[in-house]
Each structure stands twice: as structure tokens, then as C-alpha cells.
Amino acid sequence: MTLTNRRFRTLQRTAGLAMAAALFAAAPFLPAQAQQQHAHVHGQLKLDVAIDGPTIVIAMESPLDNIVGFERAPKTDAEKKTVEAAIAQLRAADKLFTIDPAANCKLGPVDLRSGALGLGNPDPAESSGHADLDASFSFNCTQAAAAKFIDLNLFSAFKGARQIDVQIASAQGQFKRQLKRPGGAQAAQPSRLTLGK
């Protein structure tokens, strides 16, 4: 399954067909090689942000190693505790993604998928030796279109994350952003993702 189709299927489940189709139309932004195969790059997270009506949906794809430090089912008690802590952080997505208060958003459904962790309906193409964690986070907002930014706390939460590649689809258009892990103490601070031009 290509990366584009995988993202399309993820968003189709959570954001509705219209917004997923808009992101699918953003496929020309993707490098040709990424369209041919699912890229599994350690240190890299991919986010798709869709703003549609009263909803903001964030779909995330990441090698499991970025989140928990390994790419398989946990074997030791320490690894099991690491997984439990990471799942708790992901389920508290409003702490990882702080949306512009002007949008007045509340966290809605969170969907986590990983074959190695036994979560959800994972991608059947996922390699057992290079496991991923895919997620979608829905936020219900009274003024979603008013959101100008999302502060991301992914670098401070997940030490394996070094780069975040983002595609944004909103009424203002389609945009790409790339965020890199800041150095030193700044890595503990949120990284601001702007949503407009």
C-alpha cells in the first residue's frame, strides 16, 4: 500500500470523505519514492492535519521506535511500562497538541493502531521487524477555522522524534511544514505549527 493510500484510509475513517479527498489531492506534494512505498524512517513522524467544519483531525504515522524506543512487542516489565506510559500520553492528546485557544477545541476520539502493541486495526502491510504506531486524534471545536496554530509537544514527549513532516488541509488551502527537534533545553518547549500561509 502506498503512503498516499495509507494516509487516505486513515483520514477517511476519522475526518470524512470530503476532507480525506482534499488530502489525497495533495499527493503531488509527496516525493515520487514515498508514493511508491511506505517510508519507515527512524526519528521522523508524519502528521496530516485536516480542518473541516467544526473538527480538527490530526493523523500521525511513526516508527514505533520513535515513541517507545523499540520496534516490537514489549518483552520486559520495563518495556511494558514504557508502552503503557506512551499510550497514556497519546490518549491525552490535548497535552501533545495544544490548538490555538481561538478555535475553542476539546479532545474527541483517539484511535491508536499498532500490530506490535495489539492496538486497533493496524496496517496489514506493517513489517513485524519494523513496527509502526499510527494514530488519529479528533478535536471538536466551536470555531475550528479560527485556529492559526497548534503547539506540538511531541519532541519533549518522545525522545526518538527528530523531525516532523506535516501536511495541512484547510479552507485556506494545502500546506507543508517541517519541524526539526530543537537543541538543548529548547527541546522541552512546544514547537509551533502555523496553519495558514
N, C-alpha and C. Protein backbone atom coordinates (compact mmCIF):
# COMPACT_ATOMS: atom_id res chain seq x y z
N MET A 1 0.86 -1.18 0.00
CA MET A 1 0.00 0.00 0.00
C MET A 1 0.89 1.23 0.00
N THR A 2 0.60 2.19 -0.80
CA THR A 2 1.43 3.39 -0.87
C THR A 2 1.15 4.28 0.32
N LEU A 3 2.08 5.16 0.61
CA LEU A 3 1.92 6.11 1.69
C LEU A 3 0.69 6.96 1.48
N THR A 4 0.46 7.38 0.27
CA THR A 4 -0.71 8.22 -0.03
C THR A 4 -2.00 7.47 0.28
N ASN A 5 -2.10 6.24 -0.17
CA ASN A 5 -3.31 5.45 0.10
C ASN A 5 -3.47 5.20 1.59
N ARG A 6 -2.38 4.97 2.30
CA ARG A 6 -2.44 4.72 3.72
C ARG A 6 -2.98 5.94 4.45
N ARG A 7 -2.47 7.11 4.12
CA ARG A 7 -2.97 8.34 4.75
C ARG A 7 -4.42 8.58 4.39
N PHE A 8 -4.78 8.31 3.15
CA PHE A 8 -6.16 8.49 2.71
C PHE A 8 -7.09 7.60 3.54
N ARG A 9 -6.71 6.33 3.74
CA ARG A 9 -7.55 5.41 4.50
C ARG A 9 -7.69 5.86 5.95
N THR A 10 -6.60 6.35 6.55
CA THR A 10 -6.63 6.81 7.93
C THR A 10 -7.58 7.99 8.08
N LEU A 11 -7.46 8.97 7.20
CA LEU A 11 -8.32 10.14 7.31
C LEU A 11 -9.76 9.83 6.93
N GLN A 12 -9.96 8.91 6.03
CA GLN A 12 -11.32 8.54 5.64
C GLN A 12 -12.08 8.03 6.84
N ARG A 13 -11.38 7.28 7.72
CA ARG A 13 -12.03 6.74 8.92
C ARG A 13 -12.41 7.82 9.89
N THR A 14 -11.66 8.94 9.95
CA THR A 14 -11.85 9.89 11.03
C THR A 14 -12.38 11.26 10.63
N ALA A 15 -12.07 11.73 9.45
CA ALA A 15 -12.42 13.11 9.12
C ALA A 15 -13.50 13.23 8.07
N GLY A 16 -13.94 12.13 7.52
CA GLY A 16 -14.97 12.21 6.50
C GLY A 16 -14.35 12.23 5.11
N LEU A 17 -15.13 11.80 4.18
CA LEU A 17 -14.66 11.62 2.81
C LEU A 17 -14.21 12.93 2.16
N ALA A 18 -14.90 14.01 2.40
CA ALA A 18 -14.55 15.26 1.72
C ALA A 18 -13.15 15.74 2.09
N MET A 19 -12.82 15.76 3.39
CA MET A 19 -11.51 16.23 3.80
C MET A 19 -10.43 15.23 3.41
N ALA A 20 -10.71 13.95 3.49
CA ALA A 20 -9.72 12.95 3.08
C ALA A 20 -9.42 13.10 1.59
N ALA A 21 -10.43 13.40 0.81
CA ALA A 21 -10.20 13.59 -0.62
C ALA A 21 -9.31 14.81 -0.86
N ALA A 22 -9.48 15.84 -0.05
CA ALA A 22 -8.63 17.03 -0.20
C ALA A 22 -7.17 16.69 0.10
N LEU A 23 -6.93 15.89 1.14
CA LEU A 23 -5.56 15.50 1.45
C LEU A 23 -5.01 14.55 0.39
N PHE A 24 -5.87 13.69 -0.12
CA PHE A 24 -5.44 12.77 -1.17
C PHE A 24 -4.99 13.56 -2.40
N ALA A 25 -5.67 14.67 -2.64
CA ALA A 25 -5.30 15.52 -3.78
C ALA A 25 -3.94 16.17 -3.57
N ALA A 26 -3.46 16.18 -2.31
CA ALA A 26 -2.15 16.76 -2.02
C ALA A 26 -1.02 15.80 -2.37
N ALA A 27 -1.32 14.64 -2.92
CA ALA A 27 -0.31 13.64 -3.25
C ALA A 27 0.84 14.19 -4.08
N PRO A 28 0.62 15.14 -4.99
CA PRO A 28 1.77 15.66 -5.75
C PRO A 28 2.85 16.29 -4.88
N PHE A 29 2.50 16.69 -3.63
CA PHE A 29 3.50 17.24 -2.73
C PHE A 29 4.50 16.18 -2.29
N LEU A 30 4.09 14.91 -2.33
CA LEU A 30 4.94 13.83 -1.83
C LEU A 30 6.01 13.48 -2.84
N PRO A 31 7.22 13.15 -2.38
CA PRO A 31 8.24 12.70 -3.31
C PRO A 31 7.80 11.42 -4.00
N ALA A 32 8.26 11.20 -5.23
CA ALA A 32 7.84 10.04 -6.01
C ALA A 32 8.16 8.75 -5.30
N GLN A 33 9.31 8.64 -4.66
CA GLN A 33 9.65 7.40 -3.99
C GLN A 33 8.70 7.12 -2.83
N ALA A 34 8.28 8.16 -2.09
CA ALA A 34 7.36 7.97 -0.97
C ALA A 34 6.02 7.47 -1.46
N GLN A 35 5.64 7.86 -2.68
CA GLN A 35 4.38 7.38 -3.21
C GLN A 35 4.48 5.91 -3.61
N GLN A 36 5.69 5.41 -3.87
CA GLN A 36 5.87 4.03 -4.30
C GLN A 36 5.87 3.05 -3.13
N GLN A 37 6.34 3.47 -1.97
CA GLN A 37 6.40 2.57 -0.84
C GLN A 37 6.25 3.34 0.46
N HIS A 38 5.85 2.62 1.51
CA HIS A 38 5.71 3.24 2.82
C HIS A 38 7.10 3.48 3.39
N ALA A 39 7.43 4.73 3.64
CA ALA A 39 8.73 5.06 4.19
C ALA A 39 8.71 4.88 5.70
N HIS A 40 9.69 4.15 6.21
CA HIS A 40 9.84 3.90 7.64
C HIS A 40 11.17 4.50 8.04
N VAL A 41 11.16 5.73 8.52
CA VAL A 41 12.38 6.45 8.80
C VAL A 41 12.45 6.74 10.30
N HIS A 42 13.46 6.18 10.95
CA HIS A 42 13.62 6.42 12.38
C HIS A 42 13.85 7.90 12.62
N GLY A 43 13.22 8.42 13.66
CA GLY A 43 13.35 9.83 14.01
C GLY A 43 12.33 10.72 13.33
N GLN A 44 11.61 10.20 12.34
CA GLN A 44 10.67 11.02 11.57
C GLN A 44 9.23 10.64 11.89
N LEU A 45 8.41 11.63 12.19
CA LEU A 45 6.97 11.47 12.34
C LEU A 45 6.30 12.19 11.20
N LYS A 46 5.17 11.66 10.77
CA LYS A 46 4.38 12.32 9.74
C LYS A 46 3.02 12.66 10.34
N LEU A 47 2.61 13.90 10.12
CA LEU A 47 1.31 14.37 10.58
C LEU A 47 0.52 14.89 9.39
N ASP A 48 -0.76 14.54 9.35
CA ASP A 48 -1.71 15.15 8.44
C ASP A 48 -2.72 15.88 9.30
N VAL A 49 -2.88 17.17 9.07
CA VAL A 49 -3.82 17.98 9.83
C VAL A 49 -4.94 18.40 8.89
N ALA A 50 -6.18 18.04 9.24
CA ALA A 50 -7.34 18.40 8.43
C ALA A 50 -8.29 19.24 9.27
N ILE A 51 -8.61 20.42 8.75
CA ILE A 51 -9.57 21.30 9.41
C ILE A 51 -10.80 21.31 8.53
N ASP A 52 -11.89 20.76 9.05
CA ASP A 52 -13.11 20.58 8.27
C ASP A 52 -14.31 20.88 9.14
N GLY A 53 -15.00 21.97 8.85
CA GLY A 53 -16.17 22.34 9.64
C GLY A 53 -15.78 22.55 11.09
N PRO A 54 -16.46 21.89 12.02
CA PRO A 54 -16.16 22.08 13.44
C PRO A 54 -15.09 21.12 13.98
N THR A 55 -14.35 20.47 13.09
CA THR A 55 -13.44 19.41 13.52
C THR A 55 -12.01 19.66 13.03
N ILE A 56 -11.07 19.37 13.89
CA ILE A 56 -9.66 19.31 13.51
C ILE A 56 -9.21 17.88 13.79
N VAL A 57 -8.72 17.22 12.75
CA VAL A 57 -8.24 15.85 12.88
C VAL A 57 -6.75 15.84 12.58
N ILE A 58 -6.00 15.20 13.45
CA ILE A 58 -4.56 15.04 13.26
C ILE A 58 -4.28 13.55 13.13
N ALA A 59 -3.77 13.13 11.97
CA ALA A 59 -3.38 11.74 11.75
C ALA A 59 -1.86 11.68 11.85
N MET A 60 -1.36 10.69 12.59
CA MET A 60 0.07 10.57 12.81
C MET A 60 0.55 9.19 12.38
N GLU A 61 1.70 9.15 11.72
CA GLU A 61 2.40 7.91 11.38
C GLU A 61 3.80 8.01 11.94
N SER A 62 4.24 6.95 12.63
CA SER A 62 5.58 6.99 13.20
C SER A 62 6.12 5.58 13.36
N PRO A 63 7.42 5.40 13.11
CA PRO A 63 8.03 4.15 13.54
C PRO A 63 7.84 4.02 15.06
N LEU A 64 7.53 2.84 15.51
CA LEU A 64 7.29 2.61 16.94
C LEU A 64 8.51 3.02 17.77
N ASP A 65 9.70 2.85 17.20
CA ASP A 65 10.94 3.21 17.89
C ASP A 65 10.94 4.67 18.34
N ASN A 66 10.35 5.58 17.57
CA ASN A 66 10.30 6.99 17.95
C ASN A 66 9.51 7.21 19.23
N ILE A 67 8.52 6.35 19.44
CA ILE A 67 7.59 6.54 20.56
C ILE A 67 8.06 5.82 21.82
N VAL A 68 8.51 4.56 21.69
CA VAL A 68 8.85 3.75 22.87
C VAL A 68 10.32 3.30 22.92
N GLY A 69 11.07 3.50 21.84
CA GLY A 69 12.47 3.13 21.85
C GLY A 69 12.78 1.74 21.32
N PHE A 70 11.77 1.02 20.83
CA PHE A 70 11.96 -0.29 20.20
C PHE A 70 10.82 -0.52 19.23
N GLU A 71 10.97 -1.54 18.34
CA GLU A 71 10.01 -1.73 17.25
C GLU A 71 9.36 -3.11 17.26
N ARG A 72 9.01 -3.58 18.40
CA ARG A 72 8.41 -4.91 18.53
C ARG A 72 7.54 -4.91 19.77
N ALA A 73 6.89 -6.03 20.02
CA ALA A 73 6.10 -6.15 21.23
C ALA A 73 7.04 -6.05 22.44
N PRO A 74 6.59 -5.44 23.52
CA PRO A 74 7.44 -5.32 24.70
C PRO A 74 7.71 -6.70 25.30
N LYS A 75 8.95 -6.90 25.77
CA LYS A 75 9.33 -8.20 26.33
C LYS A 75 9.53 -8.15 27.84
N THR A 76 10.08 -7.07 28.34
CA THR A 76 10.38 -6.98 29.77
C THR A 76 9.33 -6.14 30.47
N ASP A 77 9.33 -6.20 31.79
CA ASP A 77 8.41 -5.36 32.57
C ASP A 77 8.69 -3.88 32.33
N ALA A 78 9.97 -3.53 32.21
CA ALA A 78 10.32 -2.12 31.95
C ALA A 78 9.77 -1.67 30.61
N GLU A 79 9.89 -2.51 29.58
CA GLU A 79 9.35 -2.16 28.26
C GLU A 79 7.83 -2.05 28.30
N LYS A 80 7.18 -2.93 29.05
CA LYS A 80 5.72 -2.86 29.18
C LYS A 80 5.30 -1.55 29.84
N LYS A 81 6.04 -1.12 30.83
CA LYS A 81 5.74 0.16 31.50
C LYS A 81 5.97 1.33 30.55
N THR A 82 7.02 1.25 29.74
CA THR A 82 7.28 2.30 28.74
C THR A 82 6.13 2.40 27.76
N VAL A 83 5.62 1.26 27.30
CA VAL A 83 4.49 1.24 26.37
C VAL A 83 3.24 1.82 27.03
N GLU A 84 2.96 1.41 28.26
CA GLU A 84 1.78 1.93 28.97
C GLU A 84 1.86 3.45 29.11
N ALA A 85 3.04 3.97 29.44
CA ALA A 85 3.21 5.42 29.59
C ALA A 85 3.01 6.14 28.26
N ALA A 86 3.55 5.57 27.19
CA ALA A 86 3.40 6.19 25.87
C ALA A 86 1.94 6.19 25.42
N ILE A 87 1.24 5.09 25.64
CA ILE A 87 -0.18 5.02 25.28
C ILE A 87 -0.97 6.06 26.07
N ALA A 88 -0.66 6.20 27.35
CA ALA A 88 -1.36 7.20 28.17
C ALA A 88 -1.10 8.61 27.63
N GLN A 89 0.15 8.89 27.23
CA GLN A 89 0.45 10.21 26.66
C GLN A 89 -0.33 10.44 25.37
N LEU A 90 -0.40 9.43 24.51
CA LEU A 90 -1.11 9.57 23.24
C LEU A 90 -2.61 9.75 23.46
N ARG A 91 -3.16 9.05 24.42
CA ARG A 91 -4.60 9.19 24.70
C ARG A 91 -4.93 10.56 25.29
N ALA A 92 -3.96 11.20 25.93
CA ALA A 92 -4.12 12.56 26.45
C ALA A 92 -3.60 13.54 25.39
N ALA A 93 -4.09 13.39 24.18
CA ALA A 93 -3.58 14.13 23.02
C ALA A 93 -3.70 15.64 23.16
N ASP A 94 -4.62 16.12 23.97
CA ASP A 94 -4.75 17.57 24.14
C ASP A 94 -3.53 18.16 24.87
N LYS A 95 -2.69 17.31 25.46
CA LYS A 95 -1.42 17.76 26.05
C LYS A 95 -0.30 17.75 25.00
N LEU A 96 -0.42 16.88 23.99
CA LEU A 96 0.57 16.80 22.92
C LEU A 96 0.32 17.85 21.84
N PHE A 97 -0.96 18.15 21.61
CA PHE A 97 -1.37 19.09 20.57
C PHE A 97 -2.21 20.18 21.22
N THR A 98 -1.63 21.35 21.42
CA THR A 98 -2.37 22.46 22.04
C THR A 98 -2.81 23.39 20.91
N ILE A 99 -4.09 23.31 20.60
CA ILE A 99 -4.65 24.07 19.48
C ILE A 99 -4.95 25.51 19.93
N ASP A 100 -4.71 26.45 19.04
CA ASP A 100 -4.99 27.87 19.26
C ASP A 100 -6.30 28.01 20.04
N PRO A 101 -6.28 28.67 21.20
CA PRO A 101 -7.50 28.82 22.00
C PRO A 101 -8.65 29.49 21.25
N ALA A 102 -8.37 30.27 20.21
CA ALA A 102 -9.43 30.93 19.44
C ALA A 102 -10.37 29.91 18.80
N ALA A 103 -9.91 28.68 18.59
CA ALA A 103 -10.73 27.65 17.97
C ALA A 103 -11.67 26.97 18.97
N ASN A 104 -11.38 27.11 20.27
CA ASN A 104 -12.20 26.53 21.33
C ASN A 104 -12.44 25.03 21.09
N CYS A 105 -11.36 24.26 21.13
CA CYS A 105 -11.43 22.82 20.83
C CYS A 105 -11.35 21.97 22.09
N LYS A 106 -12.02 20.85 22.02
CA LYS A 106 -11.97 19.82 23.06
C LYS A 106 -11.60 18.51 22.39
N LEU A 107 -10.79 17.72 23.07
CA LEU A 107 -10.38 16.43 22.53
C LEU A 107 -11.57 15.50 22.38
N GLY A 108 -11.66 14.89 21.21
CA GLY A 108 -12.69 13.89 20.93
C GLY A 108 -12.05 12.52 20.86
N PRO A 109 -12.49 11.68 19.91
CA PRO A 109 -11.97 10.31 19.82
C PRO A 109 -10.48 10.26 19.46
N VAL A 110 -9.80 9.30 20.08
CA VAL A 110 -8.40 9.00 19.80
C VAL A 110 -8.35 7.55 19.32
N ASP A 111 -7.73 7.31 18.18
CA ASP A 111 -7.61 5.97 17.61
C ASP A 111 -6.14 5.63 17.46
N LEU A 112 -5.68 4.59 18.16
CA LEU A 112 -4.29 4.15 18.11
C LEU A 112 -4.23 2.79 17.43
N ARG A 113 -3.23 2.61 16.53
CA ARG A 113 -3.08 1.35 15.81
C ARG A 113 -1.61 0.93 15.76
N SER A 114 -1.34 -0.29 16.23
CA SER A 114 -0.01 -0.87 16.14
C SER A 114 -0.13 -2.37 16.31
N GLY A 115 0.29 -3.10 15.29
CA GLY A 115 0.26 -4.56 15.37
C GLY A 115 1.15 -5.07 16.49
N ALA A 116 2.33 -4.49 16.66
CA ALA A 116 3.26 -4.94 17.69
C ALA A 116 2.71 -4.74 19.10
N LEU A 117 1.88 -3.73 19.26
CA LEU A 117 1.31 -3.43 20.58
C LEU A 117 -0.11 -3.97 20.73
N GLY A 118 -0.65 -4.57 19.68
CA GLY A 118 -2.01 -5.10 19.74
C GLY A 118 -3.07 -4.02 19.84
N LEU A 119 -2.83 -2.88 19.21
CA LEU A 119 -3.77 -1.76 19.28
C LEU A 119 -4.54 -1.61 17.98
N GLY A 120 -5.85 -1.50 18.05
CA GLY A 120 -6.69 -1.18 16.90
C GLY A 120 -6.56 -2.15 15.76
N ASN A 121 -6.84 -1.67 14.56
CA ASN A 121 -6.69 -2.43 13.33
C ASN A 121 -5.46 -1.91 12.60
N PRO A 122 -4.30 -2.51 12.88
CA PRO A 122 -3.07 -1.99 12.26
C PRO A 122 -3.02 -2.28 10.77
N ASP A 123 -2.13 -1.59 10.10
CA ASP A 123 -1.90 -1.78 8.67
C ASP A 123 -1.38 -3.20 8.45
N PRO A 124 -2.07 -4.03 7.63
CA PRO A 124 -1.60 -5.39 7.40
C PRO A 124 -0.25 -5.45 6.70
N ALA A 125 0.18 -4.38 6.07
CA ALA A 125 1.47 -4.36 5.39
C ALA A 125 2.63 -4.06 6.34
N GLU A 126 2.31 -3.79 7.61
CA GLU A 126 3.35 -3.45 8.58
C GLU A 126 4.30 -4.62 8.78
N SER A 127 5.57 -4.36 8.69
CA SER A 127 6.61 -5.36 8.88
C SER A 127 6.75 -5.67 10.36
N SER A 128 6.88 -6.95 10.70
CA SER A 128 6.99 -7.31 12.12
C SER A 128 8.31 -6.83 12.72
N GLY A 129 9.35 -6.67 11.93
CA GLY A 129 10.64 -6.22 12.44
C GLY A 129 10.77 -4.71 12.48
N HIS A 130 9.87 -4.01 11.83
CA HIS A 130 9.92 -2.54 11.79
C HIS A 130 8.52 -2.01 12.05
N ALA A 131 8.05 -2.18 13.27
CA ALA A 131 6.68 -1.84 13.62
C ALA A 131 6.47 -0.33 13.67
N ASP A 132 5.24 0.05 13.36
CA ASP A 132 4.83 1.45 13.39
C ASP A 132 3.76 1.65 14.45
N LEU A 133 3.50 2.90 14.76
CA LEU A 133 2.34 3.29 15.53
C LEU A 133 1.65 4.38 14.73
N ASP A 134 0.43 4.13 14.35
CA ASP A 134 -0.39 5.10 13.63
C ASP A 134 -1.49 5.55 14.58
N ALA A 135 -1.88 6.80 14.46
CA ALA A 135 -2.91 7.32 15.36
C ALA A 135 -3.70 8.40 14.67
N SER A 136 -4.92 8.60 15.13
CA SER A 136 -5.69 9.77 14.71
C SER A 136 -6.31 10.38 15.96
N PHE A 137 -6.27 11.70 15.99
CA PHE A 137 -6.75 12.47 17.13
C PHE A 137 -7.78 13.47 16.60
N SER A 138 -8.99 13.37 17.08
CA SER A 138 -10.06 14.28 16.64
C SER A 138 -10.34 15.30 17.74
N PHE A 139 -10.47 16.55 17.31
CA PHE A 139 -10.80 17.62 18.22
C PHE A 139 -12.10 18.26 17.75
N ASN A 140 -13.06 18.41 18.64
CA ASN A 140 -14.33 19.06 18.34
C ASN A 140 -14.21 20.52 18.77
N CYS A 141 -14.48 21.42 17.85
CA CYS A 141 -14.24 22.85 18.08
C CYS A 141 -15.51 23.65 17.78
N THR A 142 -15.62 24.80 18.43
CA THR A 142 -16.73 25.69 18.10
C THR A 142 -16.33 26.65 16.98
N GLN A 143 -15.02 26.89 16.81
CA GLN A 143 -14.51 27.80 15.79
C GLN A 143 -13.24 27.23 15.16
N ALA A 144 -13.29 26.03 14.62
CA ALA A 144 -12.09 25.36 14.09
C ALA A 144 -11.36 26.24 13.08
N ALA A 145 -12.09 26.93 12.23
CA ALA A 145 -11.46 27.75 11.19
C ALA A 145 -10.65 28.91 11.77
N ALA A 146 -10.89 29.26 13.03
CA ALA A 146 -10.16 30.36 13.66
C ALA A 146 -8.77 29.94 14.13
N ALA A 147 -8.48 28.66 14.13
CA ALA A 147 -7.17 28.17 14.59
C ALA A 147 -6.07 28.66 13.66
N LYS A 148 -5.08 29.32 14.21
CA LYS A 148 -3.94 29.82 13.44
C LYS A 148 -2.68 28.99 13.69
N PHE A 149 -2.70 28.19 14.77
CA PHE A 149 -1.51 27.41 15.12
C PHE A 149 -1.91 26.22 16.00
N ILE A 150 -0.98 25.26 16.07
CA ILE A 150 -1.04 24.16 17.03
C ILE A 150 0.35 24.06 17.64
N ASP A 151 0.42 24.12 18.96
CA ASP A 151 1.69 23.91 19.64
C ASP A 151 1.86 22.41 19.84
N LEU A 152 2.97 21.88 19.31
CA LEU A 152 3.24 20.45 19.38
C LEU A 152 4.23 20.16 20.50
N ASN A 153 3.88 19.22 21.34
CA ASN A 153 4.76 18.80 22.43
C ASN A 153 5.32 17.40 22.17
N LEU A 154 5.46 17.05 20.91
CA LEU A 154 5.91 15.70 20.53
C LEU A 154 7.40 15.51 20.79
N PHE A 155 8.21 16.53 20.58
CA PHE A 155 9.65 16.38 20.81
C PHE A 155 9.96 16.15 22.28
N SER A 156 9.24 16.84 23.17
CA SER A 156 9.50 16.64 24.60
C SER A 156 8.92 15.31 25.09
N ALA A 157 7.83 14.86 24.50
CA ALA A 157 7.21 13.61 24.94
C ALA A 157 7.93 12.37 24.42
N PHE A 158 8.44 12.44 23.20
CA PHE A 158 9.01 11.27 22.55
C PHE A 158 10.44 11.57 22.11
N LYS A 159 11.38 11.08 22.87
CA LYS A 159 12.80 11.42 22.67
C LYS A 159 13.35 10.93 21.33
N GLY A 160 12.72 9.93 20.72
CA GLY A 160 13.19 9.41 19.44
C GLY A 160 12.83 10.28 18.25
N ALA A 161 11.91 11.22 18.45
CA ALA A 161 11.45 12.08 17.34
C ALA A 161 12.49 13.18 17.08
N ARG A 162 12.95 13.26 15.83
CA ARG A 162 13.91 14.29 15.45
C ARG A 162 13.35 15.26 14.40
N GLN A 163 12.33 14.79 13.67
CA GLN A 163 11.76 15.62 12.60
C GLN A 163 10.28 15.28 12.46
N ILE A 164 9.48 16.31 12.22
CA ILE A 164 8.05 16.12 12.00
C ILE A 164 7.70 16.74 10.65
N ASP A 165 7.22 15.91 9.74
CA ASP A 165 6.77 16.38 8.42
C ASP A 165 5.25 16.47 8.46
N VAL A 166 4.73 17.63 8.12
CA VAL A 166 3.31 17.91 8.28
C VAL A 166 2.69 18.32 6.94
N GLN A 167 1.51 17.79 6.67
CA GLN A 167 0.66 18.25 5.57
C GLN A 167 -0.62 18.79 6.22
N ILE A 168 -1.03 19.97 5.78
CA ILE A 168 -2.20 20.63 6.35
C ILE A 168 -3.21 20.87 5.23
N ALA A 169 -4.47 20.54 5.49
CA ALA A 169 -5.56 20.85 4.56
C ALA A 169 -6.61 21.62 5.33
N SER A 170 -6.91 22.82 4.84
CA SER A 170 -7.91 23.66 5.48
C SER A 170 -8.61 24.48 4.41
N ALA A 171 -9.54 25.31 4.81
CA ALA A 171 -10.24 26.17 3.86
C ALA A 171 -9.27 27.16 3.21
N GLN A 172 -8.15 27.43 3.85
CA GLN A 172 -7.14 28.36 3.30
C GLN A 172 -6.28 27.70 2.23
N GLY A 173 -6.33 26.37 2.15
CA GLY A 173 -5.52 25.66 1.15
C GLY A 173 -4.79 24.49 1.75
N GLN A 174 -3.79 24.02 1.02
CA GLN A 174 -2.97 22.89 1.45
C GLN A 174 -1.54 23.38 1.63
N PHE A 175 -0.94 22.96 2.73
CA PHE A 175 0.39 23.44 3.08
C PHE A 175 1.23 22.30 3.60
N LYS A 176 2.55 22.45 3.46
CA LYS A 176 3.50 21.53 4.03
C LYS A 176 4.37 22.30 5.02
N ARG A 177 4.72 21.63 6.09
CA ARG A 177 5.64 22.20 7.07
C ARG A 177 6.60 21.09 7.50
N GLN A 178 7.78 21.50 7.94
CA GLN A 178 8.73 20.55 8.51
C GLN A 178 9.30 21.18 9.77
N LEU A 179 9.22 20.43 10.86
CA LEU A 179 9.75 20.89 12.14
C LEU A 179 10.89 19.97 12.54
N LYS A 180 11.97 20.55 13.03
CA LYS A 180 13.13 19.78 13.48
C LYS A 180 13.26 19.92 14.99
N ARG A 181 13.77 18.85 15.62
CA ARG A 181 13.97 18.87 17.07
C ARG A 181 14.93 20.01 17.42
N PRO A 182 14.49 20.91 18.31
CA PRO A 182 15.40 21.98 18.75
C PRO A 182 16.50 21.39 19.65
N GLY A 183 17.59 22.09 19.75
CA GLY A 183 18.69 21.63 20.58
C GLY A 183 18.54 22.05 22.03
N GLY A 184 19.23 21.35 22.90
CA GLY A 184 19.31 21.70 24.31
C GLY A 184 17.97 21.78 25.02
N ALA A 185 17.88 22.76 25.91
CA ALA A 185 16.69 22.93 26.74
C ALA A 185 15.45 23.29 25.91
N GLN A 186 15.65 23.84 24.72
CA GLN A 186 14.50 24.21 23.89
C GLN A 186 13.72 22.99 23.42
N ALA A 187 14.31 21.80 23.45
CA ALA A 187 13.60 20.58 23.04
C ALA A 187 12.42 20.30 23.97
N ALA A 188 12.48 20.83 25.19
CA ALA A 188 11.39 20.63 26.14
C ALA A 188 10.24 21.60 25.91
N GLN A 189 10.45 22.61 25.07
CA GLN A 189 9.41 23.60 24.79
C GLN A 189 8.56 23.16 23.60
N PRO A 190 7.29 23.59 23.55
CA PRO A 190 6.46 23.25 22.39
C PRO A 190 7.00 23.85 21.10
N SER A 191 6.78 23.14 20.01
CA SER A 191 7.12 23.64 18.68
C SER A 191 5.84 24.14 18.05
N ARG A 192 5.84 25.36 17.55
CA ARG A 192 4.62 25.95 16.98
C ARG A 192 4.47 25.59 15.52
N LEU A 193 3.32 25.01 15.19
CA LEU A 193 2.96 24.68 13.83
C LEU A 193 1.94 25.70 13.37
N THR A 194 2.30 26.54 12.38
CA THR A 194 1.35 27.53 11.87
C THR A 194 0.47 26.84 10.82
N LEU A 195 -0.79 27.21 10.81
CA LEU A 195 -1.77 26.54 9.95
C LEU A 195 -2.10 27.27 8.68
N GLY A 196 -1.68 28.50 8.54
CA GLY A 196 -2.01 29.27 7.33
C GLY A 196 -0.79 29.48 6.46
N LYS A 197 -0.94 30.45 5.55
CA LYS A 197 0.15 30.76 4.60
C LYS A 197 1.34 31.36 5.28
